[in-house]
């Protein structure tokens, strides 16, 4: 922060419009939109795994990491279950 303040005081900062022009030339917005669409389409077409399928996949990762990931998934599910019990979904939706 001190460096930027010193640059402002000395007038060493680049012109914002010049910086904008440089950044704008780096992006082809049609290409950005095309790539974003491809990502969204991939998400829509993705298969949703059950927890047991996901755990079987995790166990294939390795002798330590696989069971560790299964443990994390199990704990996350328990925490989500507890949160759901404490504040049910219909109550949360009322506040949104």
Protein backbone atom coordinates (compact mmCIF):
# COMPACT_ATOMS: atom_id res chain seq x y z
CA UNK A 1 0.00 0.00 0.00
CA UNK A 2 2.84 2.37 0.85
CA UNK A 3 4.39 1.76 -2.56
CA UNK A 4 1.19 2.75 -4.36
CA UNK A 5 0.75 5.85 -2.19
CA UNK A 6 4.32 6.88 -3.02
CA UNK A 7 3.68 6.30 -6.73
CA UNK A 8 0.55 8.46 -6.60
CA UNK A 9 2.45 11.26 -4.86
CA UNK A 10 5.24 11.14 -7.44
CA UNK A 11 2.84 10.77 -10.36
CA UNK A 12 4.47 7.49 -11.48
CA UNK A 13 1.25 5.56 -12.01
CA UNK A 14 0.27 4.52 -15.52
CA UNK A 15 -2.59 6.30 -17.21
CA UNK A 16 -5.77 4.29 -16.42
CA UNK A 17 -7.10 4.71 -19.97
CA UNK A 18 -3.85 3.43 -21.40
CA UNK A 19 -3.97 0.43 -19.08
CA UNK A 20 -7.59 -0.18 -20.11
CA UNK A 21 -6.62 -0.12 -23.78
CA UNK A 22 -3.85 -2.66 -23.18
CA UNK A 23 -6.13 -5.01 -21.23
CA UNK A 24 -8.91 -4.66 -23.81
CA UNK A 25 -6.55 -5.69 -26.58
CA UNK A 26 -5.69 -8.91 -24.71
CA UNK A 27 -9.25 -10.27 -24.78
CA UNK A 28 -11.45 -11.33 -27.63
CA UNK A 29 -14.87 -11.22 -26.00
CA UNK A 30 -16.43 -13.59 -28.52
CA UNK A 31 -13.78 -16.16 -27.56
CA UNK A 32 -14.41 -15.56 -23.85
CA UNK A 33 -18.15 -16.09 -24.39
CA UNK A 34 -17.52 -19.27 -26.42
CA UNK A 35 -15.25 -20.74 -23.74
CA UNK A 36 -17.69 -19.78 -20.96
CA UNK A 37 -20.52 -21.46 -22.85
CA UNK A 38 -18.45 -24.63 -23.22
CA UNK A 39 -17.84 -24.71 -19.45
CA UNK A 40 -21.54 -24.19 -18.68
CA UNK A 41 -22.57 -26.87 -21.17
CA UNK A 42 -20.11 -29.27 -19.56
CA UNK A 43 -21.58 -28.62 -16.14
CA UNK A 44 -25.13 -29.17 -17.35
CA UNK A 45 -24.16 -32.48 -18.98
CA UNK A 46 -22.09 -33.68 -16.00
CA UNK A 47 -23.27 -36.80 -14.20
CA UNK A 48 -24.10 -36.32 -10.52
CA UNK A 49 -22.58 -39.08 -8.41
CA UNK A 50 -24.08 -40.47 -5.24
CA UNK A 51 -21.99 -40.33 -2.09
CA UNK A 52 -21.24 -44.06 -2.26
CA UNK A 53 -20.06 -43.75 -5.90
CA UNK A 54 -17.93 -40.78 -4.96
CA UNK A 55 -16.39 -42.64 -2.01
CA UNK A 56 -15.56 -45.66 -4.19
CA UNK A 57 -13.74 -43.31 -6.55
CA UNK A 58 -11.90 -41.66 -3.68
CA UNK A 59 -10.73 -45.02 -2.34
CA UNK A 60 -9.00 -45.68 -5.68
CA UNK A 61 -6.87 -42.53 -5.32
CA UNK A 62 -4.45 -43.96 -2.79
CA UNK A 63 -3.98 -45.75 0.50
CA UNK A 64 -3.91 -42.55 2.57
CA UNK A 65 -5.50 -39.83 0.49
CA UNK A 66 -8.54 -41.87 -0.58
CA UNK A 67 -9.72 -42.76 2.94
CA UNK A 68 -8.90 -39.21 4.06
CA UNK A 69 -11.17 -37.78 1.34
CA UNK A 70 -13.90 -40.24 2.35
CA UNK A 71 -13.56 -39.04 5.93
CA UNK A 72 -13.84 -35.42 4.82
CA UNK A 73 -16.91 -36.21 2.70
CA UNK A 74 -18.51 -38.06 5.61
CA UNK A 75 -17.83 -35.24 8.05
CA UNK A 76 -19.16 -32.68 5.57
CA UNK A 77 -22.37 -34.67 5.16
CA UNK A 78 -22.78 -34.93 8.96
CA UNK A 79 -22.25 -31.17 9.34
CA UNK A 80 -24.75 -30.45 6.55
CA UNK A 81 -27.27 -32.81 8.18
CA UNK A 82 -26.81 -31.05 11.52
CA UNK A 83 -27.24 -27.63 9.89
CA UNK A 84 -30.39 -28.84 8.16
CA UNK A 85 -31.76 -30.07 11.49
CA UNK A 86 -30.95 -26.77 13.23
CA UNK A 87 -32.30 -24.49 10.50
CA UNK A 88 -34.56 -26.33 8.03
CA UNK A 89 -34.53 -25.38 4.36
CA UNK A 90 -38.01 -23.84 4.41
CA UNK A 91 -36.88 -21.50 7.21
CA UNK A 92 -33.73 -20.50 5.32
CA UNK A 93 -35.74 -19.77 2.17
CA UNK A 94 -38.00 -17.47 4.16
CA UNK A 95 -34.99 -15.25 4.89
CA UNK A 96 -33.79 -15.11 1.29
